[in-house]
Amino acid sequence: MIAFIKKWLFRLFLIMVSVLALVIAVENSSEVVITVLSYPIPSLPISWLVIFAFVFGFAMASLLNFVYIVRARLRNREIEKQVSAAKSEIDRLKAASSE
């Protein structure tokens, strides 16, 4: 139950931060020029840059989460194989000892 509440509180927090970022982005519509590693980015409104930063952060977090989930599933599959092999060995030893 606590995990459920924590999950929803975290989601609410993310929604609030996203709404705040969008409000700030809409209020700051003046254009700026940003230089990244000596490459100038064309003049864009600050709101577009903020939205791009959020979308980029979401995409990177999703990618990292996907990698984590795939690793966890592969590790889980390997552990399940080991457990199955151990159960088979236990059954074989029980059968051999009962003879």
N, C-alpha and C. Protein backbone atom coordinates (compact mmCIF):
# COMPACT_ATOMS: atom_id res chain seq x y z
N MET A 1 0.82 -1.19 0.00
CA MET A 1 0.00 0.00 0.00
C MET A 1 0.86 1.26 0.00
N ILE A 2 1.95 1.23 0.78
CA ILE A 2 2.84 2.38 0.85
C ILE A 2 3.51 2.60 -0.50
N ALA A 3 3.90 1.53 -1.18
CA ALA A 3 4.53 1.67 -2.49
C ALA A 3 3.57 2.31 -3.49
N PHE A 4 2.31 1.94 -3.39
CA PHE A 4 1.28 2.51 -4.27
C PHE A 4 1.16 4.01 -4.04
N ILE A 5 1.13 4.41 -2.78
CA ILE A 5 1.01 5.83 -2.44
C ILE A 5 2.26 6.59 -2.89
N LYS A 6 3.44 6.01 -2.67
CA LYS A 6 4.67 6.66 -3.09
C LYS A 6 4.71 6.84 -4.60
N LYS A 7 4.25 5.83 -5.33
CA LYS A 7 4.24 5.91 -6.78
C LYS A 7 3.35 7.06 -7.26
N TRP A 8 2.17 7.17 -6.67
CA TRP A 8 1.24 8.22 -7.09
C TRP A 8 1.70 9.60 -6.64
N LEU A 9 2.33 9.69 -5.48
CA LEU A 9 2.88 10.97 -5.04
C LEU A 9 4.01 11.42 -5.98
N PHE A 10 4.83 10.47 -6.40
CA PHE A 10 5.91 10.79 -7.33
C PHE A 10 5.33 11.25 -8.67
N ARG A 11 4.30 10.57 -9.14
CA ARG A 11 3.66 10.98 -10.40
C ARG A 11 3.06 12.38 -10.27
N LEU A 12 2.42 12.66 -9.15
CA LEU A 12 1.86 13.98 -8.92
C LEU A 12 2.96 15.03 -8.92
N PHE A 13 4.09 14.73 -8.28
CA PHE A 13 5.23 15.64 -8.26
C PHE A 13 5.73 15.91 -9.68
N LEU A 14 5.85 14.86 -10.49
CA LEU A 14 6.31 15.03 -11.87
C LEU A 14 5.34 15.89 -12.67
N ILE A 15 4.06 15.69 -12.47
CA ILE A 15 3.07 16.50 -13.19
C ILE A 15 3.19 17.96 -12.77
N MET A 16 3.36 18.20 -11.47
CA MET A 16 3.49 19.57 -10.98
C MET A 16 4.74 20.24 -11.55
N VAL A 17 5.85 19.53 -11.59
CA VAL A 17 7.08 20.09 -12.14
C VAL A 17 6.92 20.37 -13.63
N SER A 18 6.26 19.46 -14.34
CA SER A 18 6.04 19.67 -15.78
C SER A 18 5.16 20.88 -16.04
N VAL A 19 4.10 21.02 -15.27
CA VAL A 19 3.21 22.17 -15.43
C VAL A 19 3.96 23.46 -15.11
N LEU A 20 4.75 23.45 -14.05
CA LEU A 20 5.54 24.63 -13.69
C LEU A 20 6.52 24.98 -14.81
N ALA A 21 7.17 23.99 -15.38
CA ALA A 21 8.12 24.24 -16.47
C ALA A 21 7.40 24.80 -17.69
N LEU A 22 6.22 24.28 -18.00
CA LEU A 22 5.47 24.80 -19.14
C LEU A 22 5.01 26.23 -18.91
N VAL A 23 4.59 26.55 -17.69
CA VAL A 23 4.18 27.92 -17.38
C VAL A 23 5.37 28.86 -17.51
N ILE A 24 6.50 28.46 -16.97
CA ILE A 24 7.71 29.29 -17.09
C ILE A 24 8.10 29.44 -18.55
N ALA A 25 7.99 28.36 -19.31
CA ALA A 25 8.36 28.41 -20.72
C ALA A 25 7.45 29.35 -21.49
N VAL A 26 6.17 29.32 -21.22
CA VAL A 26 5.23 30.19 -21.93
C VAL A 26 5.46 31.65 -21.57
N GLU A 27 5.80 31.90 -20.33
CA GLU A 27 6.02 33.28 -19.89
C GLU A 27 7.32 33.86 -20.46
N ASN A 28 8.28 33.02 -20.79
CA ASN A 28 9.57 33.47 -21.32
C ASN A 28 9.65 33.15 -22.80
N SER A 29 9.09 34.02 -23.61
CA SER A 29 9.05 33.75 -25.04
C SER A 29 10.10 34.53 -25.82
N SER A 30 11.00 35.23 -25.13
CA SER A 30 12.04 35.97 -25.83
C SER A 30 13.06 34.98 -26.42
N GLU A 31 13.64 35.39 -27.55
CA GLU A 31 14.57 34.50 -28.24
C GLU A 31 15.97 34.65 -27.69
N VAL A 32 16.69 33.53 -27.65
CA VAL A 32 18.07 33.52 -27.17
C VAL A 32 18.91 32.68 -28.13
N VAL A 33 20.21 32.96 -28.13
CA VAL A 33 21.15 32.16 -28.91
C VAL A 33 22.02 31.42 -27.91
N ILE A 34 22.11 30.10 -28.06
CA ILE A 34 22.92 29.28 -27.16
C ILE A 34 24.04 28.65 -27.96
N THR A 35 25.22 28.61 -27.37
CA THR A 35 26.37 27.98 -28.00
C THR A 35 26.73 26.74 -27.18
N VAL A 36 26.74 25.58 -27.85
CA VAL A 36 27.07 24.32 -27.20
C VAL A 36 28.33 23.77 -27.86
N LEU A 37 29.40 23.65 -27.09
CA LEU A 37 30.68 23.16 -27.59
C LEU A 37 31.12 23.92 -28.83
N SER A 38 31.04 25.22 -28.77
CA SER A 38 31.39 26.18 -29.82
C SER A 38 30.55 26.07 -31.09
N TYR A 39 29.40 25.37 -31.01
CA TYR A 39 28.45 25.33 -32.12
C TYR A 39 27.22 26.14 -31.74
N PRO A 40 26.97 27.24 -32.45
CA PRO A 40 25.80 28.05 -32.07
C PRO A 40 24.50 27.38 -32.51
N ILE A 41 23.52 27.41 -31.64
CA ILE A 41 22.18 26.92 -31.95
C ILE A 41 21.39 28.11 -32.46
N PRO A 42 20.62 27.93 -33.53
CA PRO A 42 19.86 29.09 -34.05
C PRO A 42 18.99 29.73 -32.97
N SER A 43 18.71 30.99 -33.17
CA SER A 43 17.91 31.76 -32.22
C SER A 43 16.52 31.14 -32.06
N LEU A 44 16.21 30.72 -30.84
CA LEU A 44 14.92 30.09 -30.54
C LEU A 44 14.34 30.71 -29.28
N PRO A 45 13.02 30.69 -29.16
CA PRO A 45 12.41 31.15 -27.90
C PRO A 45 12.83 30.26 -26.73
N ILE A 46 12.95 30.85 -25.57
CA ILE A 46 13.33 30.09 -24.38
C ILE A 46 12.33 28.96 -24.13
N SER A 47 11.07 29.20 -24.42
CA SER A 47 10.05 28.18 -24.18
C SER A 47 10.35 26.91 -24.97
N TRP A 48 10.79 27.05 -26.20
CA TRP A 48 11.12 25.87 -27.01
C TRP A 48 12.30 25.12 -26.41
N LEU A 49 13.28 25.86 -25.93
CA LEU A 49 14.47 25.23 -25.34
C LEU A 49 14.11 24.48 -24.06
N VAL A 50 13.25 25.06 -23.24
CA VAL A 50 12.83 24.39 -22.00
C VAL A 50 12.05 23.13 -22.32
N ILE A 51 11.13 23.23 -23.27
CA ILE A 51 10.35 22.05 -23.66
C ILE A 51 11.26 20.98 -24.25
N PHE A 52 12.23 21.40 -25.10
CA PHE A 52 13.17 20.44 -25.66
C PHE A 52 13.98 19.77 -24.55
N ALA A 53 14.40 20.53 -23.56
CA ALA A 53 15.18 19.95 -22.46
C ALA A 53 14.36 18.91 -21.71
N PHE A 54 13.08 19.19 -21.47
CA PHE A 54 12.23 18.21 -20.78
C PHE A 54 12.02 16.96 -21.63
N VAL A 55 11.77 17.14 -22.91
CA VAL A 55 11.56 15.99 -23.80
C VAL A 55 12.84 15.16 -23.89
N PHE A 56 13.98 15.84 -24.02
CA PHE A 56 15.25 15.13 -24.08
C PHE A 56 15.52 14.37 -22.77
N GLY A 57 15.25 15.00 -21.65
CA GLY A 57 15.43 14.33 -20.36
C GLY A 57 14.51 13.14 -20.20
N PHE A 58 13.27 13.28 -20.65
CA PHE A 58 12.32 12.17 -20.59
C PHE A 58 12.80 11.01 -21.46
N ALA A 59 13.28 11.33 -22.66
CA ALA A 59 13.75 10.29 -23.57
C ALA A 59 14.97 9.57 -22.99
N MET A 60 15.90 10.31 -22.43
CA MET A 60 17.09 9.68 -21.84
C MET A 60 16.73 8.82 -20.64
N ALA A 61 15.84 9.32 -19.79
CA ALA A 61 15.41 8.54 -18.63
C ALA A 61 14.69 7.28 -19.07
N SER A 62 13.87 7.37 -20.10
CA SER A 62 13.16 6.19 -20.60
C SER A 62 14.14 5.17 -21.17
N LEU A 63 15.14 5.65 -21.89
CA LEU A 63 16.14 4.75 -22.46
C LEU A 63 16.92 4.04 -21.35
N LEU A 64 17.34 4.79 -20.35
CA LEU A 64 18.08 4.18 -19.24
C LEU A 64 17.20 3.19 -18.47
N ASN A 65 15.93 3.53 -18.30
CA ASN A 65 15.01 2.64 -17.62
C ASN A 65 14.82 1.35 -18.43
N PHE A 66 14.72 1.48 -19.75
CA PHE A 66 14.58 0.31 -20.62
C PHE A 66 15.79 -0.61 -20.47
N VAL A 67 16.99 -0.03 -20.48
CA VAL A 67 18.20 -0.83 -20.32
C VAL A 67 18.19 -1.54 -18.97
N TYR A 68 17.82 -0.84 -17.92
CA TYR A 68 17.76 -1.43 -16.58
C TYR A 68 16.77 -2.59 -16.54
N ILE A 69 15.60 -2.41 -17.14
CA ILE A 69 14.56 -3.45 -17.13
C ILE A 69 15.04 -4.67 -17.91
N VAL A 70 15.67 -4.46 -19.07
CA VAL A 70 16.16 -5.60 -19.86
C VAL A 70 17.22 -6.36 -19.08
N ARG A 71 18.14 -5.65 -18.44
CA ARG A 71 19.16 -6.34 -17.64
C ARG A 71 18.52 -7.14 -16.50
N ALA A 72 17.55 -6.53 -15.82
CA ALA A 72 16.90 -7.21 -14.71
C ALA A 72 16.17 -8.46 -15.19
N ARG A 73 15.50 -8.38 -16.33
CA ARG A 73 14.79 -9.55 -16.86
C ARG A 73 15.75 -10.65 -17.26
N LEU A 74 16.88 -10.28 -17.88
CA LEU A 74 17.88 -11.29 -18.25
C LEU A 74 18.46 -11.96 -17.00
N ARG A 75 18.74 -11.15 -15.99
CA ARG A 75 19.28 -11.70 -14.74
C ARG A 75 18.23 -12.61 -14.07
N ASN A 76 16.98 -12.19 -14.11
CA ASN A 76 15.90 -13.00 -13.54
C ASN A 76 15.77 -14.33 -14.28
N ARG A 77 15.86 -14.29 -15.62
CA ARG A 77 15.77 -15.52 -16.41
C ARG A 77 16.91 -16.48 -16.06
N GLU A 78 18.12 -15.95 -15.89
CA GLU A 78 19.25 -16.79 -15.53
C GLU A 78 19.06 -17.40 -14.14
N ILE A 79 18.56 -16.63 -13.20
CA ILE A 79 18.32 -17.15 -11.85
C ILE A 79 17.24 -18.22 -11.87
N GLU A 80 16.19 -18.01 -12.68
CA GLU A 80 15.14 -19.03 -12.79
C GLU A 80 15.69 -20.33 -13.36
N LYS A 81 16.61 -20.25 -14.31
CA LYS A 81 17.25 -21.46 -14.85
C LYS A 81 18.05 -22.17 -13.77
N GLN A 82 18.77 -21.40 -12.96
CA GLN A 82 19.55 -21.99 -11.88
C GLN A 82 18.65 -22.66 -10.84
N VAL A 83 17.54 -22.02 -10.51
CA VAL A 83 16.60 -22.58 -9.54
C VAL A 83 16.00 -23.86 -10.10
N SER A 84 15.63 -23.85 -11.37
CA SER A 84 15.08 -25.05 -12.00
C SER A 84 16.09 -26.18 -12.00
N ALA A 85 17.34 -25.88 -12.30
CA ALA A 85 18.39 -26.91 -12.28
C ALA A 85 18.59 -27.44 -10.87
N ALA A 86 18.55 -26.55 -9.88
CA ALA A 86 18.71 -26.98 -8.49
C ALA A 86 17.55 -27.86 -8.05
N LYS A 87 16.32 -27.51 -8.44
CA LYS A 87 15.16 -28.34 -8.10
C LYS A 87 15.26 -29.70 -8.76
N SER A 88 15.70 -29.74 -10.00
CA SER A 88 15.87 -31.02 -10.69
C SER A 88 16.91 -31.88 -9.98
N GLU A 89 17.99 -31.25 -9.55
CA GLU A 89 19.04 -31.97 -8.83
C GLU A 89 18.52 -32.50 -7.49
N ILE A 90 17.72 -31.70 -6.79
CA ILE A 90 17.14 -32.14 -5.52
C ILE A 90 16.21 -33.33 -5.75
N ASP A 91 15.37 -33.24 -6.77
CA ASP A 91 14.47 -34.36 -7.08
C ASP A 91 15.24 -35.61 -7.45
N ARG A 92 16.33 -35.44 -8.22
CA ARG A 92 17.15 -36.60 -8.60
C ARG A 92 17.80 -37.22 -7.37
N LEU A 93 18.30 -36.40 -6.46
CA LEU A 93 18.94 -36.92 -5.25
C LEU A 93 17.93 -37.58 -4.33
N LYS A 94 16.72 -37.05 -4.24
CA LYS A 94 15.66 -37.68 -3.43
C LYS A 94 15.31 -39.04 -3.99
N ALA A 95 15.20 -39.11 -5.30
CA ALA A 95 14.86 -40.39 -5.94
C ALA A 95 15.98 -41.40 -5.73
N ALA A 96 17.21 -40.95 -5.81
CA ALA A 96 18.35 -41.86 -5.64
C ALA A 96 18.47 -42.32 -4.18
N SER A 97 18.12 -41.48 -3.23
CA SER A 97 18.25 -41.86 -1.81
C SER A 97 17.11 -42.77 -1.36
N SER A 98 15.98 -42.71 -2.05
CA SER A 98 14.85 -43.52 -1.65
C SER A 98 14.96 -44.96 -2.18
N GLU A 99 15.87 -45.21 -3.07
CA GLU A 99 16.03 -46.55 -3.63
C GLU A 99 16.79 -47.47 -2.72
